[in-house]
Amino acid sequence: YGFTGADADSLARIVERTGATVLPLSVTYRCP
């Protein structure tokens, strides 16, 4: 959604600004 004004690097910028711990959510319960 960069074309709506969202920052394409938002997540990386969040980690950089906050020192956040990154945890995965990798399992999809939708797709076969």
Full PDB file with SEQRES, HELIX, SHEET, SSBOND, CRYST1, ORIGX, SCALE, CONECT and MASTER records, all heavy atoms in Angstrom:
SEQRES   1 A   32  TYR GLY PHE THR GLY ALA ASP ALA ASP SER LEU ALA ARG          
SEQRES   2 A   32  ILE VAL GLU ARG THR GLY ALA THR VAL LEU PRO LEU SER          
SEQRES   3 A   32  VAL THR TYR ARG CYS PRO                                      
HELIX    1 AA1 GLY A    2  THR A    4  5                                   3    
HELIX    2 AA2 SER A   10  THR A   18  1                                   9    
CRYST1    1.000    1.000    1.000  90.00  90.00  90.00 P 1           1          
ORIGX1      1.000000  0.000000  0.000000        0.00000                         
ORIGX2      0.000000  1.000000  0.000000        0.00000                         
ORIGX3      0.000000  0.000000  1.000000        0.00000                         
SCALE1      1.000000  0.000000  0.000000        0.00000                         
SCALE2      0.000000  1.000000  0.000000        0.00000                         
SCALE3      0.000000  0.000000  1.000000        0.00000                         
ATOM      1  N   TYR A   1       0.798  -1.220   0.000  1.00  0.00           N  
ATOM      2  CA  TYR A   1       0.000   0.000   0.000  1.00  0.00           C  
ATOM      3  C   TYR A   1       0.832   1.271   0.000  1.00  0.00           C  
ATOM      4  O   TYR A   1       0.390   2.307   0.476  1.00  0.00           O  
ATOM      5  CB  TYR A   1      -0.949   0.004   1.201  1.00  0.00           C  
ATOM      6  CG  TYR A   1      -2.172  -0.854   0.987  1.00  0.00           C  
ATOM      7  CD1 TYR A   1      -2.529  -1.833   1.899  1.00  0.00           C  
ATOM      8  CD2 TYR A   1      -2.965  -0.678  -0.135  1.00  0.00           C  
ATOM      9  CE1 TYR A   1      -3.648  -2.624   1.698  1.00  0.00           C  
ATOM     10  CE2 TYR A   1      -4.082  -1.463  -0.351  1.00  0.00           C  
ATOM     11  CZ  TYR A   1      -4.417  -2.437   0.579  1.00  0.00           C  
ATOM     12  OH  TYR A   1      -5.519  -3.207   0.358  1.00  0.00           O  
ATOM     13  N   GLY A   2       2.035   1.195  -0.555  1.00  0.00           N  
ATOM     14  CA  GLY A   2       2.851   2.400  -0.637  1.00  0.00           C  
ATOM     15  C   GLY A   2       2.150   3.522  -1.378  1.00  0.00           C  
ATOM     16  O   GLY A   2       2.333   4.693  -1.058  1.00  0.00           O  
ATOM     17  N   PHE A   3       1.327   3.178  -2.367  1.00  0.00           N  
ATOM     18  CA  PHE A   3       0.649   4.202  -3.172  1.00  0.00           C  
ATOM     19  C   PHE A   3      -0.404   4.979  -2.381  1.00  0.00           C  
ATOM     20  O   PHE A   3      -0.892   6.010  -2.834  1.00  0.00           O  
ATOM     21  CB  PHE A   3       0.006   3.565  -4.414  1.00  0.00           C  
ATOM     22  CG  PHE A   3      -1.156   2.669  -4.114  1.00  0.00           C  
ATOM     23  CD1 PHE A   3      -2.446   3.151  -4.168  1.00  0.00           C  
ATOM     24  CD2 PHE A   3      -0.957   1.339  -3.771  1.00  0.00           C  
ATOM     25  CE1 PHE A   3      -3.525   2.318  -3.890  1.00  0.00           C  
ATOM     26  CE2 PHE A   3      -2.018   0.507  -3.497  1.00  0.00           C  
ATOM     27  CZ  PHE A   3      -3.303   0.999  -3.552  1.00  0.00           C  
ATOM     28  N   THR A   4      -0.782   4.496  -1.193  1.00  0.00           N  
ATOM     29  CA  THR A   4      -1.756   5.215  -0.368  1.00  0.00           C  
ATOM     30  C   THR A   4      -1.085   6.100   0.673  1.00  0.00           C  
ATOM     31  O   THR A   4      -1.769   6.780   1.429  1.00  0.00           O  
ATOM     32  CB  THR A   4      -2.685   4.238   0.365  1.00  0.00           C  
ATOM     33  OG1 THR A   4      -1.921   3.488   1.333  1.00  0.00           O  
ATOM     34  CG2 THR A   4      -3.368   3.294  -0.597  1.00  0.00           C  
ATOM     35  N   GLY A   5       0.238   6.066   0.723  1.00  0.00           N  
ATOM     36  CA  GLY A   5       0.961   6.852   1.716  1.00  0.00           C  
ATOM     37  C   GLY A   5       1.708   6.005   2.720  1.00  0.00           C  
ATOM     38  O   GLY A   5       2.465   6.522   3.543  1.00  0.00           O  
ATOM     39  N   ALA A   6       1.495   4.672   2.695  1.00  0.00           N  
ATOM     40  CA  ALA A   6       2.204   3.789   3.618  1.00  0.00           C  
ATOM     41  C   ALA A   6       3.696   3.777   3.290  1.00  0.00           C  
ATOM     42  O   ALA A   6       4.101   3.911   2.145  1.00  0.00           O  
ATOM     43  CB  ALA A   6       1.648   2.370   3.526  1.00  0.00           C  
ATOM     44  N   ASP A   7       4.503   3.618   4.330  1.00  0.00           N  
ATOM     45  CA  ASP A   7       5.953   3.540   4.177  1.00  0.00           C  
ATOM     46  C   ASP A   7       6.314   2.111   3.781  1.00  0.00           C  
ATOM     47  O   ASP A   7       6.078   1.171   4.539  1.00  0.00           O  
ATOM     48  CB  ASP A   7       6.615   3.921   5.508  1.00  0.00           C  
ATOM     49  CG  ASP A   7       8.128   3.960   5.420  1.00  0.00           C  
ATOM     50  OD1 ASP A   7       8.680   3.496   4.416  1.00  0.00           O  
ATOM     51  OD2 ASP A   7       8.760   4.458   6.370  1.00  0.00           O  
ATOM     52  N   ALA A   8       6.900   1.930   2.605  1.00  0.00           N  
ATOM     53  CA  ALA A   8       7.234   0.586   2.123  1.00  0.00           C  
ATOM     54  C   ALA A   8       8.223  -0.122   3.037  1.00  0.00           C  
ATOM     55  O   ALA A   8       8.295  -1.349   3.056  1.00  0.00           O  
ATOM     56  CB  ALA A   8       7.796   0.671   0.705  1.00  0.00           C  
ATOM     57  N   ASP A   9       8.989   0.636   3.808  1.00  0.00           N  
ATOM     58  CA  ASP A   9       9.970   0.064   4.732  1.00  0.00           C  
ATOM     59  C   ASP A   9       9.496   0.171   6.177  1.00  0.00           C  
ATOM     60  O   ASP A   9      10.315   0.236   7.102  1.00  0.00           O  
ATOM     61  CB  ASP A   9      11.317   0.765   4.573  1.00  0.00           C  
ATOM     62  CG  ASP A   9      11.917   0.550   3.192  1.00  0.00           C  
ATOM     63  OD1 ASP A   9      11.885  -0.597   2.723  1.00  0.00           O  
ATOM     64  OD2 ASP A   9      12.400   1.519   2.592  1.00  0.00           O  
ATOM     65  N   SER A  10       8.177   0.167   6.378  1.00  0.00           N  
ATOM     66  CA  SER A  10       7.632   0.419   7.711  1.00  0.00           C  
ATOM     67  C   SER A  10       8.147  -0.556   8.763  1.00  0.00           C  
ATOM     68  O   SER A  10       8.593  -0.147   9.841  1.00  0.00           O  
ATOM     69  CB  SER A  10       6.100   0.365   7.669  1.00  0.00           C  
ATOM     70  OG  SER A  10       5.554   0.547   8.955  1.00  0.00           O  
ATOM     71  N   LEU A  11       8.110  -1.853   8.481  1.00  0.00           N  
ATOM     72  CA  LEU A  11       8.524  -2.832   9.487  1.00  0.00           C  
ATOM     73  C   LEU A  11      10.006  -2.700   9.814  1.00  0.00           C  
ATOM     74  O   LEU A  11      10.401  -2.758  10.990  1.00  0.00           O  
ATOM     75  CB  LEU A  11       8.202  -4.252   9.021  1.00  0.00           C  
ATOM     76  CG  LEU A  11       6.721  -4.604   8.915  1.00  0.00           C  
ATOM     77  CD1 LEU A  11       6.552  -6.072   8.529  1.00  0.00           C  
ATOM     78  CD2 LEU A  11       5.990  -4.326  10.219  1.00  0.00           C  
ATOM     79  N   ALA A  12      10.834  -2.534   8.804  1.00  0.00           N  
ATOM     80  CA  ALA A  12      12.267  -2.357   9.048  1.00  0.00           C  
ATOM     81  C   ALA A  12      12.527  -1.084   9.854  1.00  0.00           C  
ATOM     82  O   ALA A  12      13.384  -1.053  10.745  1.00  0.00           O  
ATOM     83  CB  ALA A  12      13.017  -2.302   7.720  1.00  0.00           C  
ATOM     84  N   ARG A  13      11.751  -0.046   9.560  1.00  0.00           N  
ATOM     85  CA  ARG A  13      11.923   1.209  10.295  1.00  0.00           C  
ATOM     86  C   ARG A  13      11.475   1.056  11.747  1.00  0.00           C  
ATOM     87  O   ARG A  13      12.069   1.636  12.664  1.00  0.00           O  
ATOM     88  CB  ARG A  13      11.140   2.320   9.601  1.00  0.00           C  
ATOM     89  CG  ARG A  13      11.758   3.698   9.786  1.00  0.00           C  
ATOM     90  CD  ARG A  13      11.032   4.742   8.960  1.00  0.00           C  
ATOM     91  NE  ARG A  13      10.922   4.386   7.560  1.00  0.00           N  
ATOM     92  CZ  ARG A  13      11.919   4.529   6.684  1.00  0.00           C  
ATOM     93  NH1 ARG A  13      13.082   4.987   7.083  1.00  0.00           N  
ATOM     94  NH2 ARG A  13      11.734   4.196   5.419  1.00  0.00           N  
ATOM     95  N   ILE A  14      10.430   0.275  11.978  1.00  0.00           N  
ATOM     96  CA  ILE A  14       9.970   0.018  13.345  1.00  0.00           C  
ATOM     97  C   ILE A  14      11.053  -0.690  14.144  1.00  0.00           C  
ATOM     98  O   ILE A  14      11.365  -0.320  15.286  1.00  0.00           O  
ATOM     99  CB  ILE A  14       8.678  -0.809  13.324  1.00  0.00           C  
ATOM    100  CG1 ILE A  14       7.511   0.037  12.801  1.00  0.00           C  
ATOM    101  CG2 ILE A  14       8.353  -1.345  14.720  1.00  0.00           C  
ATOM    102  CD1 ILE A  14       6.272  -0.760  12.479  1.00  0.00           C  
ATOM    103  N   VAL A  15      11.638  -1.732  13.538  1.00  0.00           N  
ATOM    104  CA  VAL A  15      12.703  -2.470  14.224  1.00  0.00           C  
ATOM    105  C   VAL A  15      13.885  -1.556  14.511  1.00  0.00           C  
ATOM    106  O   VAL A  15      14.468  -1.568  15.614  1.00  0.00           O  
ATOM    107  CB  VAL A  15      13.150  -3.680  13.373  1.00  0.00           C  
ATOM    108  CG1 VAL A  15      14.355  -4.363  13.994  1.00  0.00           C  
ATOM    109  CG2 VAL A  15      11.999  -4.671  13.223  1.00  0.00           C  
ATOM    110  N   GLU A  16      14.232  -0.722  13.541  1.00  0.00           N  
ATOM    111  CA  GLU A  16      15.359   0.196  13.710  1.00  0.00           C  
ATOM    112  C   GLU A  16      15.088   1.221  14.812  1.00  0.00           C  
ATOM    113  O   GLU A  16      15.959   1.494  15.647  1.00  0.00           O  
ATOM    114  CB  GLU A  16      15.624   0.919  12.385  1.00  0.00           C  
ATOM    115  CG  GLU A  16      16.727   1.956  12.462  1.00  0.00           C  
ATOM    116  CD  GLU A  16      16.856   2.755  11.171  1.00  0.00           C  
ATOM    117  OE1 GLU A  16      16.200   2.371  10.170  1.00  0.00           O  
ATOM    118  OE2 GLU A  16      17.585   3.747  11.161  1.00  0.00           O  
ATOM    119  N   ARG A  17      13.876   1.753  14.846  1.00  0.00           N  
ATOM    120  CA  ARG A  17      13.559   2.818  15.814  1.00  0.00           C  
ATOM    121  C   ARG A  17      13.352   2.282  17.224  1.00  0.00           C  
ATOM    122  O   ARG A  17      13.569   3.001  18.197  1.00  0.00           O  
ATOM    123  CB  ARG A  17      12.291   3.554  15.360  1.00  0.00           C  
ATOM    124  CG  ARG A  17      12.421   4.291  14.031  1.00  0.00           C  
ATOM    125  CD  ARG A  17      13.180   5.597  14.178  1.00  0.00           C  
ATOM    126  NE  ARG A  17      12.512   6.518  15.065  1.00  0.00           N  
ATOM    127  CZ  ARG A  17      11.525   7.349  14.694  1.00  0.00           C  
ATOM    128  NH1 ARG A  17      11.078   7.324  13.445  1.00  0.00           N  
ATOM    129  NH2 ARG A  17      10.994   8.183  15.559  1.00  0.00           N  
ATOM    130  N   THR A  18      12.896   1.029  17.350  1.00  0.00           N  
ATOM    131  CA  THR A  18      12.506   0.521  18.668  1.00  0.00           C  
ATOM    132  C   THR A  18      13.409  -0.595  19.190  1.00  0.00           C  
ATOM    133  O   THR A  18      13.311  -0.963  20.366  1.00  0.00           O  
ATOM    134  CB  THR A  18      11.072  -0.023  18.635  1.00  0.00           C  
ATOM    135  OG1 THR A  18      11.022  -1.168  17.775  1.00  0.00           O  
ATOM    136  CG2 THR A  18      10.099   1.040  18.136  1.00  0.00           C  
ATOM    137  N   GLY A  19      14.263  -1.152  18.321  1.00  0.00           N  
ATOM    138  CA  GLY A  19      15.047  -2.307  18.745  1.00  0.00           C  
ATOM    139  C   GLY A  19      14.175  -3.519  19.021  1.00  0.00           C  
ATOM    140  O   GLY A  19      14.473  -4.343  19.891  1.00  0.00           O  
ATOM    141  N   ALA A  20      13.086  -3.660  18.291  1.00  0.00           N  
ATOM    142  CA  ALA A  20      12.092  -4.696  18.558  1.00  0.00           C  
ATOM    143  C   ALA A  20      12.645  -6.100  18.351  1.00  0.00           C  
ATOM    144  O   ALA A  20      13.505  -6.335  17.501  1.00  0.00           O  
ATOM    145  CB  ALA A  20      10.882  -4.496  17.638  1.00  0.00           C  
ATOM    146  N   THR A  21      12.145  -7.022  19.134  1.00  0.00           N  
ATOM    147  CA  THR A  21      12.398  -8.446  18.931  1.00  0.00           C  
ATOM    148  C   THR A  21      11.439  -8.951  17.857  1.00  0.00           C  
ATOM    149  O   THR A  21      10.235  -8.694  17.920  1.00  0.00           O  
ATOM    150  CB  THR A  21      12.173  -9.233  20.228  1.00  0.00           C  
ATOM    151  OG1 THR A  21      13.073  -8.743  21.233  1.00  0.00           O  
ATOM    152  CG2 THR A  21      12.409 -10.714  20.013  1.00  0.00           C  
ATOM    153  N   VAL A  22      11.965  -9.669  16.880  1.00  0.00           N  
ATOM    154  CA  VAL A  22      11.147 -10.127  15.756  1.00  0.00           C  
ATOM    155  C   VAL A  22      10.768 -11.593  15.968  1.00  0.00           C  
ATOM    156  O   VAL A  22      11.642 -12.449  16.136  1.00  0.00           O  
ATOM    157  CB  VAL A  22      11.899  -9.968  14.425  1.00  0.00           C  
ATOM    158  CG1 VAL A  22      11.038 -10.454  13.261  1.00  0.00           C  
ATOM    159  CG2 VAL A  22      12.298  -8.509  14.213  1.00  0.00           C  
ATOM    160  N   LEU A  23       9.467 -11.875  15.969  1.00  0.00           N  
ATOM    161  CA  LEU A  23       8.952 -13.226  16.168  1.00  0.00           C  
ATOM    162  C   LEU A  23       8.157 -13.645  14.932  1.00  0.00           C  
ATOM    163  O   LEU A  23       7.376 -12.844  14.404  1.00  0.00           O  
ATOM    164  CB  LEU A  23       8.049 -13.288  17.403  1.00  0.00           C  
ATOM    165  CG  LEU A  23       8.700 -12.853  18.729  1.00  0.00           C  
ATOM    166  CD1 LEU A  23       7.647 -12.787  19.827  1.00  0.00           C  
ATOM    167  CD2 LEU A  23       9.812 -13.808  19.114  1.00  0.00           C  
ATOM    168  N   PRO A  24       8.305 -14.876  14.466  1.00  0.00           N  
ATOM    169  CA  PRO A  24       7.612 -15.298  13.237  1.00  0.00           C  
ATOM    170  C   PRO A  24       6.177 -15.735  13.491  1.00  0.00           C  
ATOM    171  O   PRO A  24       5.846 -16.253  14.554  1.00  0.00           O  
ATOM    172  CB  PRO A  24       8.458 -16.488  12.763  1.00  0.00           C  
ATOM    173  CG  PRO A  24       8.996 -17.077  14.035  1.00  0.00           C  
ATOM    174  CD  PRO A  24       9.233 -15.908  14.962  1.00  0.00           C  
ATOM    175  N   LEU A  25       5.321 -15.505  12.487  1.00  0.00           N  
ATOM    176  CA  LEU A  25       3.974 -16.086  12.412  1.00  0.00           C  
ATOM    177  C   LEU A  25       3.863 -16.661  11.003  1.00  0.00           C  
ATOM    178  O   LEU A  25       3.313 -16.033  10.105  1.00  0.00           O  
ATOM    179  CB  LEU A  25       2.901 -15.020  12.653  1.00  0.00           C  
ATOM    180  CG  LEU A  25       2.761 -14.493  14.080  1.00  0.00           C  
ATOM    181  CD1 LEU A  25       1.814 -13.299  14.117  1.00  0.00           C  
ATOM    182  CD2 LEU A  25       2.223 -15.588  14.992  1.00  0.00           C  
ATOM    183  N   SER A  26       4.386 -17.839  10.799  1.00  0.00           N  
ATOM    184  CA  SER A  26       4.604 -18.342   9.444  1.00  0.00           C  
ATOM    185  C   SER A  26       3.581 -19.371   8.965  1.00  0.00           C  
ATOM    186  O   SER A  26       3.605 -19.769   7.808  1.00  0.00           O  
ATOM    187  CB  SER A  26       6.006 -18.965   9.351  1.00  0.00           C  
ATOM    188  OG  SER A  26       6.178 -19.955  10.356  1.00  0.00           O  
ATOM    189  N   VAL A  27       2.667 -19.812   9.835  1.00  0.00           N  
ATOM    190  CA  VAL A  27       1.703 -20.842   9.453  1.00  0.00           C  
ATOM    191  C   VAL A  27       0.424 -20.195   8.918  1.00  0.00           C  
ATOM    192  O   VAL A  27      -0.145 -19.316   9.565  1.00  0.00           O  
ATOM    193  CB  VAL A  27       1.366 -21.760  10.643  1.00  0.00           C  
ATOM    194  CG1 VAL A  27       0.314 -22.790  10.237  1.00  0.00           C  
ATOM    195  CG2 VAL A  27       2.625 -22.460  11.148  1.00  0.00           C  
ATOM    196  N   THR A  28      -0.017 -20.601   7.734  1.00  0.00           N  
ATOM    197  CA  THR A  28      -1.278 -20.117   7.182  1.00  0.00           C  
ATOM    198  C   THR A  28      -2.367 -21.157   7.399  1.00  0.00           C  
ATOM    199  O   THR A  28      -2.165 -22.342   7.133  1.00  0.00           O  
ATOM    200  CB  THR A  28      -1.166 -19.802   5.679  1.00  0.00           C  
ATOM    201  OG1 THR A  28      -2.472 -19.504   5.169  1.00  0.00           O  
ATOM    202  CG2 THR A  28      -0.588 -20.961   4.889  1.00  0.00           C  
ATOM    203  N   TYR A  29      -3.513 -20.694   7.882  1.00  0.00           N  
ATOM    204  CA  TYR A  29      -4.656 -21.582   8.094  1.00  0.00           C  
ATOM    205  C   TYR A  29      -5.711 -21.397   7.009  1.00  0.00           C  
ATOM    206  O   TYR A  29      -6.814 -21.892   7.123  1.00  0.00           O  
ATOM    207  CB  TYR A  29      -5.254 -21.332   9.478  1.00  0.00           C  
ATOM    208  CG  TYR A  29      -4.328 -21.773  10.583  1.00  0.00           C  
ATOM    209  CD1 TYR A  29      -3.370 -20.906  11.098  1.00  0.00           C  
ATOM    210  CD2 TYR A  29      -4.376 -23.070  11.090  1.00  0.00           C  
ATOM    211  CE1 TYR A  29      -2.494 -21.314  12.093  1.00  0.00           C  
ATOM    212  CE2 TYR A  29      -3.516 -23.488  12.083  1.00  0.00           C  
ATOM    213  CZ  TYR A  29      -2.568 -22.602  12.584  1.00  0.00           C  
ATOM    214  OH  TYR A  29      -1.704 -23.025  13.556  1.00  0.00           O  
ATOM    215  N   ARG A  30      -5.358 -20.671   5.958  1.00  0.00           N  
ATOM    216  CA  ARG A  30      -6.261 -20.446   4.831  1.00  0.00           C  
ATOM    217  C   ARG A  30      -5.917 -21.349   3.651  1.00  0.00           C  
ATOM    218  O   ARG A  30      -6.799 -21.964   3.061  1.00  0.00           O  
ATOM    219  CB  ARG A  30      -6.201 -18.991   4.373  1.00  0.00           C  
ATOM    220  CG  ARG A  30      -6.964 -18.738   3.068  1.00  0.00           C  
ATOM    221  CD  ARG A  30      -6.648 -17.359   2.502  1.00  0.00           C  
ATOM    222  NE  ARG A  30      -7.095 -16.314   3.390  1.00  0.00           N  
ATOM    223  CZ  ARG A  30      -6.490 -15.135   3.523  1.00  0.00           C  
ATOM    224  NH1 ARG A  30      -5.403 -14.870   2.826  1.00  0.00           N  
ATOM    225  NH2 ARG A  30      -6.965 -14.240   4.347  1.00  0.00           N  
ATOM    226  N   CYS A  31      -4.657 -21.410   3.315  1.00  0.00           N  
ATOM    227  CA  CYS A  31      -4.255 -21.964   2.023  1.00  0.00           C  
ATOM    228  C   CYS A  31      -3.990 -23.468   2.057  1.00  0.00           C  
ATOM    229  O   CYS A  31      -3.369 -23.967   2.997  1.00  0.00           O  
ATOM    230  CB  CYS A  31      -2.996 -21.256   1.527  1.00  0.00           C  
ATOM    231  SG  CYS A  31      -3.200 -19.476   1.338  1.00  0.00           S  
ATOM    232  N   PRO A  32      -4.403 -24.190   1.017  1.00  0.00           N  
ATOM    233  CA  PRO A  32      -4.052 -25.606   0.866  1.00  0.00           C  
ATOM    234  C   PRO A  32      -2.548 -25.771   0.624  1.00  0.00           C  
ATOM    235  O   PRO A  32      -1.846 -24.819   0.286  1.00  0.00           O  
ATOM    236  CB  PRO A  32      -4.858 -26.046  -0.356  1.00  0.00           C  
ATOM    237  CG  PRO A  32      -5.916 -25.005  -0.532  1.00  0.00           C  
ATOM    238  CD  PRO A  32      -5.320 -23.737  -0.037  1.00  0.00           C  
TER     239      PRO A  32                                                      
MASTER        0    0    0    2    0    0    0    6  238    1    0    3          
END                                                                             
